[in-house]
Amino acid sequence: MPKQKILITGGVGMIGKALTRILYRNYYLIVLDKKSQIKRNKTYIKSFKNNGVDFYSIDILQKKKLNKYFKNIKYVIHLAAMLGVSETEKKKYNCWRVNFTGTKNVVEVSVLNNVKRIIFSSSSEVYGEQKSKKKIKETNPLLGSNIYALSKIEAEKFIINFLKDKKTKYTIARLFNTYGEGQVAQFFIPKLCYAAKYNKDFIINGNGRQIRSYAYCGDIAKGIKKILKNKKAENNIYNIGNSKEIFSLRDVTSLVSKIKKKNIKLLFSKNFKAGDRKKNREIFNRICDISKARKDLKYTPKVNLTQGLKKVFKQEKIFLNWP
């Protein structure tokens, strides 16, 4: 029996790589990403030669070109997005086009080619800063107000409304504070690890007591895999993260210092002027509730933060930015 075909957009990013590693033995994979990502990851791509994984460079804004890759695809996992506080805030128009218009293109082409289900990677940013400090459930209000959050909220709305009377089903996965190998140093954990690795001072915006629940990319990928064939996941929304690994920014820096066996010189920018995140863009308390995913998908993240950080340090290089 031939393997079913899965298409992954943004498939050479951190989560895409983790997904490819756990899916390629059971599925035939079409992996799409932008040209610069494909070029940077030539060695990684060569490792899948003759293993039923085909990589192609494509801009998801080019709808007509997208279409040819969607033939006989059973499932689409849509990870492609514009990320990063600095990138999205400085290039708001591009952020909207990639995250909303690009998603619209992927969904419409999926329907045109009778894809069974599309899994959309949304973000915990859609929740914004909640009034309560309780763990965030899927039913919490969507209070995200920055351009990245709004692009994801509107993409979610489009998917739900457009597919409500279509044969193509959807699952929306709201991913919480993911980290791991291949993540560029535009995010807190790889930026901190880069500073520790190369003996740089590290700036924390605010007082460092902001709370997060951190999830390793391999666990996130396994959560997405569990969504694939689960009937309960059809036309449903799930938080995917790790609700047990709860740390303040200060706590994470202490863990990194312990792993590297050296103190990191911390500088605090209490007025938020030294970093890329303004105070009104900051989230001070974000902890996921994954009880729905645990119940429906039997999703249980395994990697704790210490284990995950060691994996980040083991990689050969931490890139400062996207290619």
C-alpha atoms as a PDB file:
ATOM      1  CA  MET A   1       0.000   0.000   0.000  1.00  0.00           C
ATOM      2  CA  PRO A   2       1.520   3.369  -1.032  1.00  0.00           C
ATOM      3  CA  LYS A   3       2.269   5.897   1.676  1.00  0.00           C
ATOM      4  CA  GLN A   4      -0.166   8.786   2.111  1.00  0.00           C
ATOM      5  CA  LYS A   5       1.194  12.170   1.097  1.00  0.00           C
ATOM      6  CA  ILE A   6       1.578  15.020   3.568  1.00  0.00           C
ATOM      7  CA  LEU A   7       2.584  18.544   2.596  1.00  0.00           C
ATOM      8  CA  ILE A   8       4.340  20.766   5.134  1.00  0.00           C
ATOM      9  CA  THR A   9       4.709  24.509   4.541  1.00  0.00           C
ATOM     10  CA  GLY A  10       7.535  26.226   6.395  1.00  0.00           C
ATOM     11  CA  GLY A  11       8.913  22.713   6.685  1.00  0.00           C
ATOM     12  CA  VAL A  12      12.589  23.630   7.054  1.00  0.00           C
ATOM     13  CA  GLY A  13      11.989  25.700  10.177  1.00  0.00           C
ATOM     14  CA  MET A  14      12.451  24.431  13.734  1.00  0.00           C
ATOM     15  CA  ILE A  15       9.087  22.665  14.088  1.00  0.00           C
ATOM     16  CA  GLY A  16       9.054  21.565  10.439  1.00  0.00           C
ATOM     17  CA  LYS A  17      12.361  19.757  10.871  1.00  0.00           C
ATOM     18  CA  ALA A  18      11.155  18.029  14.036  1.00  0.00           C
ATOM     19  CA  LEU A  19       7.974  16.957  12.226  1.00  0.00           C
ATOM     20  CA  THR A  20       9.826  15.676   9.192  1.00  0.00           C
ATOM     21  CA  ARG A  21      12.036  13.493  11.396  1.00  0.00           C
ATOM     22  CA  ILE A  22       9.041  11.765  13.003  1.00  0.00           C
ATOM     23  CA  LEU A  23       6.788  11.490   9.923  1.00  0.00           C
ATOM     24  CA  TYR A  24       9.012  10.482   7.001  1.00  0.00           C
ATOM     25  CA  ARG A  25       9.065   6.754   7.800  1.00  0.00           C
ATOM     26  CA  ASN A  26       5.269   6.476   7.572  1.00  0.00           C
ATOM     27  CA  TYR A  27       4.356   9.143   5.012  1.00  0.00           C
ATOM     28  CA  TYR A  28       5.602  10.539   1.737  1.00  0.00           C
ATOM     29  CA  LEU A  29       6.436  14.176   2.481  1.00  0.00           C
ATOM     30  CA  ILE A  30       6.381  17.282   0.313  1.00  0.00           C
ATOM     31  CA  VAL A  31       8.256  19.990   2.232  1.00  0.00           C
ATOM     32  CA  LEU A  32       7.935  23.607   1.124  1.00  0.00           C
ATOM     33  CA  ASP A  33       9.885  26.599   2.369  1.00  0.00           C
ATOM     34  CA  LYS A  34      11.317  29.844   1.081  1.00  0.00           C
ATOM     35  CA  LYS A  35      14.426  29.764  -1.086  1.00  0.00           C
ATOM     36  CA  SER A  36      16.762  31.216   1.549  1.00  0.00           C
ATOM     37  CA  GLN A  37      15.774  28.547   4.097  1.00  0.00           C
ATOM     38  CA  ILE A  38      16.306  25.761   1.581  1.00  0.00           C
ATOM     39  CA  LYS A  39      19.740  27.188   0.742  1.00  0.00           C
ATOM     40  CA  ARG A  40      20.829  27.505   4.394  1.00  0.00           C
ATOM     41  CA  ASN A  41      19.790  23.922   5.159  1.00  0.00           C
ATOM     42  CA  LYS A  42      21.397  22.069   2.234  1.00  0.00           C
ATOM     43  CA  THR A  43      23.218  19.560   4.458  1.00  0.00           C
ATOM     44  CA  TYR A  44      20.038  18.764   6.406  1.00  0.00           C
ATOM     45  CA  ILE A  45      18.067  18.319   3.166  1.00  0.00           C
ATOM     46  CA  LYS A  46      20.714  15.966   1.713  1.00  0.00           C
ATOM     47  CA  SER A  47      20.278  13.702   4.749  1.00  0.00           C
ATOM     48  CA  PHE A  48      16.789  12.790   3.467  1.00  0.00           C
ATOM     49  CA  LYS A  49      17.913  11.823  -0.035  1.00  0.00           C
ATOM     50  CA  ASN A  50      16.029   8.711  -1.264  1.00  0.00           C
ATOM     51  CA  ASN A  51      13.924   8.680   1.922  1.00  0.00           C
ATOM     52  CA  GLY A  52      10.591   9.772   0.434  1.00  0.00           C
ATOM     53  CA  VAL A  53      10.975  13.453   1.320  1.00  0.00           C
ATOM     54  CA  ASP A  54      10.977  16.075  -1.435  1.00  0.00           C
ATOM     55  CA  PHE A  55      11.949  19.690  -0.693  1.00  0.00           C
ATOM     56  CA  TYR A  56      10.888  22.650  -2.831  1.00  0.00           C
ATOM     57  CA  SER A  57      11.424  26.395  -2.535  1.00  0.00           C
ATOM     58  CA  ILE A  58       8.190  28.355  -2.875  1.00  0.00           C
ATOM     59  CA  ASP A  59       6.665  31.632  -1.720  1.00  0.00           C
ATOM     60  CA  ILE A  60       3.187  30.922  -0.301  1.00  0.00           C
ATOM     61  CA  LEU A  61       2.042  34.254  -1.716  1.00  0.00           C
ATOM     62  CA  GLN A  62       2.418  32.759  -5.207  1.00  0.00           C
ATOM     63  CA  LYS A  63      -0.918  30.962  -5.288  1.00  0.00           C
ATOM     64  CA  LYS A  64      -0.732  29.630  -8.857  1.00  0.00           C
ATOM     65  CA  LYS A  65       2.698  28.089  -8.259  1.00  0.00           C
ATOM     66  CA  LEU A  66       1.515  26.550  -4.985  1.00  0.00           C
ATOM     67  CA  ASN A  67      -1.159  24.544  -6.747  1.00  0.00           C
ATOM     68  CA  LYS A  68       1.173  22.099  -8.495  1.00  0.00           C
ATOM     69  CA  TYR A  69       2.543  20.790  -5.173  1.00  0.00           C
ATOM     70  CA  PHE A  70      -0.890  19.930  -3.734  1.00  0.00           C
ATOM     71  CA  LYS A  71      -1.809  17.087  -6.107  1.00  0.00           C
ATOM     72  CA  ASN A  72      -2.873  13.895  -4.279  1.00  0.00           C
ATOM     73  CA  ILE A  73      -2.043  15.418  -0.883  1.00  0.00           C
ATOM     74  CA  LYS A  74      -3.987  13.876   2.012  1.00  0.00           C
ATOM     75  CA  TYR A  75      -2.986  16.249   4.808  1.00  0.00           C
ATOM     76  CA  VAL A  76      -1.498  19.757   4.858  1.00  0.00           C
ATOM     77  CA  ILE A  77       0.438  21.024   7.876  1.00  0.00           C
ATOM     78  CA  HIS A  78       0.700  24.782   7.489  1.00  0.00           C
ATOM     79  CA  LEU A  79       3.623  26.096   9.545  1.00  0.00           C
ATOM     80  CA  ALA A  80       4.880  28.872   7.252  1.00  0.00           C
ATOM     81  CA  ALA A  81       4.650  32.285   8.905  1.00  0.00           C
ATOM     82  CA  MET A  82       6.498  35.517   9.508  1.00  0.00           C
ATOM     83  CA  LEU A  83       7.809  35.431  13.087  1.00  0.00           C
ATOM     84  CA  GLY A  84       9.703  37.482  15.619  1.00  0.00           C
ATOM     85  CA  VAL A  85       8.810  40.695  17.421  1.00  0.00           C
ATOM     86  CA  SER A  86      11.337  42.830  15.567  1.00  0.00           C
ATOM     87  CA  GLU A  87      10.535  41.383  12.133  1.00  0.00           C
ATOM     88  CA  THR A  88       6.761  41.586  12.411  1.00  0.00           C
ATOM     89  CA  GLU A  89       6.599  45.021  14.022  1.00  0.00           C
ATOM     90  CA  LYS A  90       9.006  46.595  11.528  1.00  0.00           C
ATOM     91  CA  LYS A  91       7.367  44.942   8.521  1.00  0.00           C
ATOM     92  CA  LYS A  92       3.695  44.939   9.428  1.00  0.00           C
ATOM     93  CA  TYR A  93       2.430  44.821   5.852  1.00  0.00           C
ATOM     94  CA  ASN A  94       4.638  41.829   5.039  1.00  0.00           C
ATOM     95  CA  CYS A  95       3.561  40.123   8.252  1.00  0.00           C
ATOM     96  CA  TRP A  96      -0.096  40.485   7.293  1.00  0.00           C
ATOM     97  CA  ARG A  97       0.488  39.254   3.745  1.00  0.00           C
ATOM     98  CA  VAL A  98       2.465  36.168   4.763  1.00  0.00           C
ATOM     99  CA  ASN A  99       0.402  35.183   7.801  1.00  0.00           C
ATOM    100  CA  PHE A 100      -3.075  35.997   6.528  1.00  0.00           C
ATOM    101  CA  THR A 101      -2.964  36.116   2.713  1.00  0.00           C
ATOM    102  CA  GLY A 102      -0.459  33.245   2.576  1.00  0.00           C
ATOM    103  CA  THR A 103      -2.698  31.145   4.824  1.00  0.00           C
ATOM    104  CA  LYS A 104      -5.713  32.018   2.669  1.00  0.00           C
ATOM    105  CA  ASN A 105      -3.801  30.800  -0.399  1.00  0.00           C
ATOM    106  CA  VAL A 106      -2.796  27.523   1.263  1.00  0.00           C
ATOM    107  CA  VAL A 107      -6.368  26.848   2.426  1.00  0.00           C
ATOM    108  CA  GLU A 108      -7.952  27.665  -0.941  1.00  0.00           C
ATOM    109  CA  VAL A 109      -5.467  25.486  -2.836  1.00  0.00           C
ATOM    110  CA  SER A 110      -6.089  22.680  -0.318  1.00  0.00           C
ATOM    111  CA  VAL A 111      -9.822  22.795  -1.014  1.00  0.00           C
ATOM    112  CA  LEU A 112      -9.206  22.908  -4.772  1.00  0.00           C
ATOM    113  CA  ASN A 113      -7.195  19.694  -4.497  1.00  0.00           C
ATOM    114  CA  ASN A 114      -9.564  17.886  -2.104  1.00  0.00           C
ATOM    115  CA  VAL A 115      -7.130  17.755   0.812  1.00  0.00           C
ATOM    116  CA  LYS A 116      -8.709  15.788   3.667  1.00  0.00           C
ATOM    117  CA  ARG A 117      -7.526  18.062   6.478  1.00  0.00           C
ATOM    118  CA  ILE A 118      -5.363  21.116   7.015  1.00  0.00           C
ATOM    119  CA  ILE A 119      -3.574  21.630  10.332  1.00  0.00           C
ATOM    120  CA  PHE A 120      -2.889  25.310  10.969  1.00  0.00           C
ATOM    121  CA  SER A 121      -0.170  26.374  13.382  1.00  0.00           C
ATOM    122  CA  SER A 122      -1.582  29.338  15.236  1.00  0.00           C
ATOM    123  CA  SER A 123       0.028  30.888  18.300  1.00  0.00           C
ATOM    124  CA  SER A 124      -0.496  31.602  21.979  1.00  0.00           C
ATOM    125  CA  GLU A 125      -0.010  35.254  20.977  1.00  0.00           C
ATOM    126  CA  VAL A 126      -3.687  35.272  19.946  1.00  0.00           C
ATOM    127  CA  TYR A 127      -4.625  35.261  23.648  1.00  0.00           C
ATOM    128  CA  GLY A 128      -2.690  38.441  24.419  1.00  0.00           C
ATOM    129  CA  GLU A 129      -2.443  39.453  28.089  1.00  0.00           C
ATOM    130  CA  GLN A 130      -5.296  37.771  29.955  1.00  0.00           C
ATOM    131  CA  LYS A 131      -6.919  39.431  32.971  1.00  0.00           C
ATOM    132  CA  SER A 132      -6.706  36.233  34.983  1.00  0.00           C
ATOM    133  CA  LYS A 133      -3.407  34.533  35.831  1.00  0.00           C
ATOM    134  CA  LYS A 134      -4.984  31.091  35.483  1.00  0.00           C
ATOM    135  CA  LYS A 135      -3.827  28.658  32.815  1.00  0.00           C
ATOM    136  CA  ILE A 136      -5.138  29.638  29.393  1.00  0.00           C
ATOM    137  CA  LYS A 137      -7.817  27.412  27.841  1.00  0.00           C
ATOM    138  CA  GLU A 138      -9.014  27.335  24.245  1.00  0.00           C
ATOM    139  CA  THR A 139     -12.180  29.114  25.387  1.00  0.00           C
ATOM    140  CA  ASN A 140     -10.294  32.152  26.717  1.00  0.00           C
ATOM    141  CA  PRO A 141     -10.910  35.425  24.844  1.00  0.00           C
ATOM    142  CA  LEU A 142      -8.571  36.334  21.995  1.00  0.00           C
ATOM    143  CA  LEU A 143      -7.046  39.581  23.234  1.00  0.00           C
ATOM    144  CA  GLY A 144      -3.914  39.694  21.079  1.00  0.00           C
ATOM    145  CA  SER A 145      -3.487  43.171  19.619  1.00  0.00           C
ATOM    146  CA  ASN A 146      -0.092  43.282  17.873  1.00  0.00           C
ATOM    147  CA  ILE A 147       0.157  42.685  14.117  1.00  0.00           C
ATOM    148  CA  TYR A 148       1.410  39.100  14.504  1.00  0.00           C
ATOM    149  CA  ALA A 149      -1.431  38.143  16.866  1.00  0.00           C
ATOM    150  CA  LEU A 150      -4.038  39.866  14.677  1.00  0.00           C
ATOM    151  CA  SER A 151      -2.763  38.110  11.544  1.00  0.00           C
ATOM    152  CA  LYS A 152      -3.134  34.748  13.304  1.00  0.00           C
ATOM    153  CA  ILE A 153      -6.578  35.591  14.722  1.00  0.00           C
ATOM    154  CA  GLU A 154      -7.891  36.615  11.317  1.00  0.00           C
ATOM    155  CA  ALA A 155      -6.320  33.552   9.673  1.00  0.00           C
ATOM    156  CA  GLU A 156      -8.119  31.359  12.226  1.00  0.00           C
ATOM    157  CA  LYS A 157     -11.428  33.097  11.487  1.00  0.00           C
ATOM    158  CA  PHE A 158     -10.955  32.664   7.755  1.00  0.00           C
ATOM    159  CA  ILE A 159     -10.213  28.939   8.117  1.00  0.00           C
ATOM    160  CA  ILE A 160     -13.273  28.322  10.315  1.00  0.00           C
ATOM    161  CA  ASN A 161     -15.662  30.299   8.109  1.00  0.00           C
ATOM    162  CA  PHE A 162     -14.311  29.201   4.730  1.00  0.00           C
ATOM    163  CA  LEU A 163     -14.205  25.483   5.547  1.00  0.00           C
ATOM    164  CA  LYS A 164     -17.509  25.193   7.430  1.00  0.00           C
ATOM    165  CA  ASP A 165     -19.332  23.839   4.353  1.00  0.00           C
ATOM    166  CA  LYS A 166     -16.346  22.179   2.637  1.00  0.00           C
ATOM    167  CA  LYS A 167     -15.148  18.558   2.566  1.00  0.00           C
ATOM    168  CA  THR A 168     -11.708  19.707   3.692  1.00  0.00           C
ATOM    169  CA  LYS A 169     -11.593  19.739   7.499  1.00  0.00           C
ATOM    170  CA  TYR A 170      -9.288  21.777   9.731  1.00  0.00           C
ATOM    171  CA  THR A 171      -7.519  21.642  13.061  1.00  0.00           C
ATOM    172  CA  ILE A 172      -6.099  24.788  14.654  1.00  0.00           C
ATOM    173  CA  ALA A 173      -3.099  24.216  16.931  1.00  0.00           C
ATOM    174  CA  ARG A 174      -2.240  27.184  19.157  1.00  0.00           C
ATOM    175  CA  LEU A 175       1.427  26.653  19.958  1.00  0.00           C
ATOM    176  CA  PHE A 176       2.892  27.928  23.233  1.00  0.00           C
ATOM    177  CA  ASN A 177       6.459  29.192  23.701  1.00  0.00           C
ATOM    178  CA  THR A 178       8.262  26.632  21.593  1.00  0.00           C
ATOM    179  CA  TYR A 179      12.049  26.370  21.548  1.00  0.00           C
ATOM    180  CA  GLY A 180      14.656  23.965  20.220  1.00  0.00           C
ATOM    181  CA  GLU A 181      17.400  23.305  17.701  1.00  0.00           C
ATOM    182  CA  GLY A 182      17.320  25.539  14.646  1.00  0.00           C
ATOM    183  CA  GLN A 183      15.466  28.435  16.268  1.00  0.00           C
ATOM    184  CA  VAL A 184      17.203  31.723  15.492  1.00  0.00           C
ATOM    185  CA  ALA A 185      18.420  34.028  18.249  1.00  0.00           C
ATOM    186  CA  GLN A 186      15.484  36.392  17.817  1.00  0.00           C
ATOM    187  CA  PHE A 187      13.639  34.527  20.577  1.00  0.00           C
ATOM    188  CA  PHE A 188      14.377  34.472  24.292  1.00  0.00           C
ATOM    189  CA  ILE A 189      15.853  30.994  24.730  1.00  0.00           C
ATOM    190  CA  PRO A 190      18.167  30.821  21.674  1.00  0.00           C
ATOM    191  CA  LYS A 191      19.210  34.436  22.293  1.00  0.00           C
ATOM    192  CA  LEU A 192      20.094  33.546  25.894  1.00  0.00           C
ATOM    193  CA  CYS A 193      21.930  30.375  24.819  1.00  0.00           C
ATOM    194  CA  TYR A 194      23.862  32.353  22.207  1.00  0.00           C
ATOM    195  CA  ALA A 195      24.931  34.852  24.888  1.00  0.00           C
ATOM    196  CA  ALA A 196      26.039  32.030  27.195  1.00  0.00           C
ATOM    197  CA  LYS A 197      27.905  30.197  24.429  1.00  0.00           C
ATOM    198  CA  TYR A 198      29.850  33.258  23.292  1.00  0.00           C
ATOM    199  CA  ASN A 199      30.244  35.024  26.675  1.00  0.00           C
ATOM    200  CA  LYS A 200      27.995  37.976  25.807  1.00  0.00           C
ATOM    201  CA  ASP A 201      26.053  40.160  28.218  1.00  0.00           C
ATOM    202  CA  PHE A 202      22.336  39.441  28.149  1.00  0.00           C
ATOM    203  CA  ILE A 203      19.594  42.073  28.336  1.00  0.00           C
ATOM    204  CA  ILE A 204      16.213  41.242  29.847  1.00  0.00           C
ATOM    205  CA  ASN A 205      13.325  43.610  29.298  1.00  0.00           C
ATOM    206  CA  GLY A 206      11.476  44.487  32.489  1.00  0.00           C
ATOM    207  CA  ASN A 207      12.340  42.772  35.780  1.00  0.00           C
ATOM    208  CA  GLY A 208      12.623  39.244  34.378  1.00  0.00           C
ATOM    209  CA  ARG A 209       9.676  37.924  36.363  1.00  0.00           C
ATOM    210  CA  GLN A 210       7.530  37.353  33.267  1.00  0.00           C
ATOM    211  CA  ILE A 211       6.113  33.817  33.379  1.00  0.00           C
ATOM    212  CA  ARG A 212       6.004  31.318  30.509  1.00  0.00           C
ATOM    213  CA  SER A 213       5.342  27.605  29.990  1.00  0.00           C
ATOM    214  CA  TYR A 214       8.061  26.331  27.643  1.00  0.00           C
ATOM    215  CA  ALA A 215       7.656  23.468  25.183  1.00  0.00           C
ATOM    216  CA  TYR A 216      10.413  21.639  23.309  1.00  0.00           C
ATOM    217  CA  CYS A 217       9.940  21.524  19.520  1.00  0.00           C
ATOM    218  CA  GLY A 218      10.034  17.705  19.448  1.00  0.00           C
ATOM    219  CA  ASP A 219       7.075  17.557  21.840  1.00  0.00           C
ATOM    220  CA  ILE A 220       5.191  20.108  19.736  1.00  0.00           C
ATOM    221  CA  ALA A 221       5.840  18.008  16.624  1.00  0.00           C
ATOM    222  CA  LYS A 222       4.517  14.908  18.371  1.00  0.00           C
ATOM    223  CA  GLY A 223       1.388  16.850  19.335  1.00  0.00           C
ATOM    224  CA  ILE A 224       0.824  17.770  15.690  1.00  0.00           C
ATOM    225  CA  LYS A 225       1.361  14.146  14.678  1.00  0.00           C
ATOM    226  CA  LYS A 226      -1.346  13.077  17.138  1.00  0.00           C
ATOM    227  CA  ILE A 227      -3.747  15.533  15.487  1.00  0.00           C
ATOM    228  CA  LEU A 228      -3.274  14.000  12.030  1.00  0.00           C
ATOM    229  CA  LYS A 229      -5.673  11.060  12.012  1.00  0.00           C
ATOM    230  CA  ASN A 230      -7.663  11.779  15.157  1.00  0.00           C
ATOM    231  CA  LYS A 231     -11.341  12.189  14.314  1.00  0.00           C
ATOM    232  CA  LYS A 232     -11.959  14.298  17.421  1.00  0.00           C
ATOM    233  CA  ALA A 233      -9.496  16.856  16.076  1.00  0.00           C
ATOM    234  CA  GLU A 234     -11.593  17.569  12.979  1.00  0.00           C
ATOM    235  CA  ASN A 235     -12.817  21.181  12.994  1.00  0.00           C
ATOM    236  CA  ASN A 236     -11.399  21.668  16.462  1.00  0.00           C
ATOM    237  CA  ILE A 237      -8.901  23.920  18.262  1.00  0.00           C
ATOM    238  CA  TYR A 238      -6.149  22.800  20.640  1.00  0.00           C
ATOM    239  CA  ASN A 239      -3.512  24.394  22.816  1.00  0.00           C
ATOM    240  CA  ILE A 240      -0.256  22.521  22.192  1.00  0.00           C
ATOM    241  CA  GLY A 241       2.513  23.247  24.666  1.00  0.00           C
ATOM    242  CA  ASN A 242       3.828  22.083  28.025  1.00  0.00           C
ATOM    243  CA  SER A 243       1.745  23.173  31.009  1.00  0.00           C
ATOM    244  CA  LYS A 244       4.212  21.771  33.572  1.00  0.00           C
ATOM    245  CA  GLU A 245       7.413  23.535  32.515  1.00  0.00           C
ATOM    246  CA  ILE A 246       6.606  26.934  34.059  1.00  0.00           C
ATOM    247  CA  PHE A 247       9.467  29.397  34.548  1.00  0.00           C
ATOM    248  CA  SER A 248      10.138  33.102  34.856  1.00  0.00           C
ATOM    249  CA  LEU A 249      12.744  34.618  32.543  1.00  0.00           C
ATOM    250  CA  ARG A 250      15.086  34.823  35.538  1.00  0.00           C
ATOM    251  CA  ASP A 251      14.551  31.115  36.233  1.00  0.00           C
ATOM    252  CA  VAL A 252      15.561  30.236  32.671  1.00  0.00           C
ATOM    253  CA  THR A 253      18.775  32.273  32.920  1.00  0.00           C
ATOM    254  CA  SER A 254      19.626  30.430  36.162  1.00  0.00           C
ATOM    255  CA  LEU A 255      19.110  27.068  34.441  1.00  0.00           C
ATOM    256  CA  VAL A 256      21.347  28.082  31.539  1.00  0.00           C
ATOM    257  CA  SER A 257      24.052  29.264  33.971  1.00  0.00           C
ATOM    258  CA  LYS A 258      23.851  25.922  35.765  1.00  0.00           C
ATOM    259  CA  ILE A 259      24.127  23.931  32.526  1.00  0.00           C
ATOM    260  CA  LYS A 260      27.075  26.007  31.255  1.00  0.00           C
ATOM    261  CA  LYS A 261      28.621  26.183  34.750  1.00  0.00           C
ATOM    262  CA  LYS A 262      29.167  29.900  34.509  1.00  0.00           C
ATOM    263  CA  ASN A 263      27.248  33.011  35.421  1.00  0.00           C
ATOM    264  CA  ILE A 264      25.684  35.067  32.663  1.00  0.00           C
ATOM    265  CA  LYS A 265      25.978  38.803  33.138  1.00  0.00           C
ATOM    266  CA  LEU A 266      22.391  40.066  33.147  1.00  0.00           C
ATOM    267  CA  LEU A 267      21.370  43.604  32.318  1.00  0.00           C
ATOM    268  CA  PHE A 268      17.807  44.736  32.963  1.00  0.00           C
ATOM    269  CA  SER A 269      16.057  47.243  30.732  1.00  0.00           C
ATOM    270  CA  LYS A 270      13.164  48.179  32.993  1.00  0.00           C
ATOM    271  CA  ASN A 271      11.861  50.770  30.546  1.00  0.00           C
ATOM    272  CA  PHE A 272      11.941  48.162  27.708  1.00  0.00           C
ATOM    273  CA  LYS A 273      14.130  50.399  25.534  1.00  0.00           C
ATOM    274  CA  ALA A 274      17.091  48.081  25.058  1.00  0.00           C
ATOM    275  CA  GLY A 275      15.266  45.171  23.440  1.00  0.00           C
ATOM    276  CA  ASP A 276      12.966  44.668  20.495  1.00  0.00           C
ATOM    277  CA  ARG A 277       9.808  44.376  22.597  1.00  0.00           C
ATOM    278  CA  LYS A 278       7.992  47.454  23.862  1.00  0.00           C
ATOM    279  CA  LYS A 279       6.225  47.287  27.198  1.00  0.00           C
ATOM    280  CA  ASN A 280       2.790  47.348  25.550  1.00  0.00           C
ATOM    281  CA  ARG A 281       3.867  44.326  23.431  1.00  0.00           C
ATOM    282  CA  GLU A 282       4.975  42.270  26.447  1.00  0.00           C
ATOM    283  CA  ILE A 283       2.997  39.380  27.915  1.00  0.00           C
ATOM    284  CA  PHE A 284       3.632  39.086  31.645  1.00  0.00           C
ATOM    285  CA  ASN A 285       1.847  35.796  32.344  1.00  0.00           C
ATOM    286  CA  ARG A 286       1.279  33.046  29.776  1.00  0.00           C
ATOM    287  CA  ILE A 287       0.714  29.461  30.922  1.00  0.00           C
ATOM    288  CA  CYS A 288      -1.100  26.964  28.742  1.00  0.00           C
ATOM    289  CA  ASP A 289      -3.864  24.590  29.731  1.00  0.00           C
ATOM    290  CA  ILE A 290      -3.470  21.475  27.548  1.00  0.00           C
ATOM    291  CA  SER A 291      -6.137  19.351  29.257  1.00  0.00           C
ATOM    292  CA  LYS A 292      -8.242  19.259  26.070  1.00  0.00           C
ATOM    293  CA  ALA A 293      -5.285  17.929  24.034  1.00  0.00           C
ATOM    294  CA  ARG A 294      -4.474  15.429  26.780  1.00  0.00           C
ATOM    295  CA  LYS A 295      -8.052  14.122  26.739  1.00  0.00           C
ATOM    296  CA  ASP A 296      -8.746  14.065  22.984  1.00  0.00           C
ATOM    297  CA  LEU A 297      -5.286  13.416  21.558  1.00  0.00           C
ATOM    298  CA  LYS A 298      -3.545  11.620  24.433  1.00  0.00           C
ATOM    299  CA  TYR A 299      -0.892  14.317  24.084  1.00  0.00           C
ATOM    300  CA  THR A 300       1.744  14.271  26.836  1.00  0.00           C
ATOM    301  CA  PRO A 301       4.928  16.342  26.415  1.00  0.00           C
ATOM    302  CA  LYS A 302       8.009  14.549  27.758  1.00  0.00           C
ATOM    303  CA  VAL A 303      11.022  16.890  27.520  1.00  0.00           C
ATOM    304  CA  ASN A 304      11.664  19.172  30.486  1.00  0.00           C
ATOM    305  CA  LEU A 305      13.384  22.523  30.106  1.00  0.00           C
ATOM    306  CA  THR A 306      16.777  21.358  31.356  1.00  0.00           C
ATOM    307  CA  GLN A 307      16.805  18.497  28.831  1.00  0.00           C
ATOM    308  CA  GLY A 308      15.645  20.819  26.050  1.00  0.00           C
ATOM    309  CA  LEU A 309      18.260  23.471  26.817  1.00  0.00           C
ATOM    310  CA  LYS A 310      21.015  20.844  26.661  1.00  0.00           C
ATOM    311  CA  LYS A 311      19.773  19.891  23.188  1.00  0.00           C
ATOM    312  CA  VAL A 312      19.942  23.541  22.107  1.00  0.00           C
ATOM    313  CA  PHE A 313      23.544  23.787  23.311  1.00  0.00           C
ATOM    314  CA  LYS A 314      24.513  20.566  21.506  1.00  0.00           C
ATOM    315  CA  GLN A 315      23.739  21.989  18.077  1.00  0.00           C
ATOM    316  CA  GLU A 316      26.719  23.133  16.069  1.00  0.00           C
ATOM    317  CA  LYS A 317      25.560  26.697  15.518  1.00  0.00           C
ATOM    318  CA  ILE A 318      22.899  29.125  16.728  1.00  0.00           C
ATOM    319  CA  PHE A 319      22.032  31.524  13.925  1.00  0.00           C
ATOM    320  CA  LEU A 320      21.417  35.141  14.875  1.00  0.00           C
ATOM    321  CA  ASN A 321      18.675  35.669  12.288  1.00  0.00           C
ATOM    322  CA  TRP A 322      16.634  34.116   9.521  1.00  0.00           C
ATOM    323  CA  PRO A 323      18.380  33.680   6.162  1.00  0.00           C
END
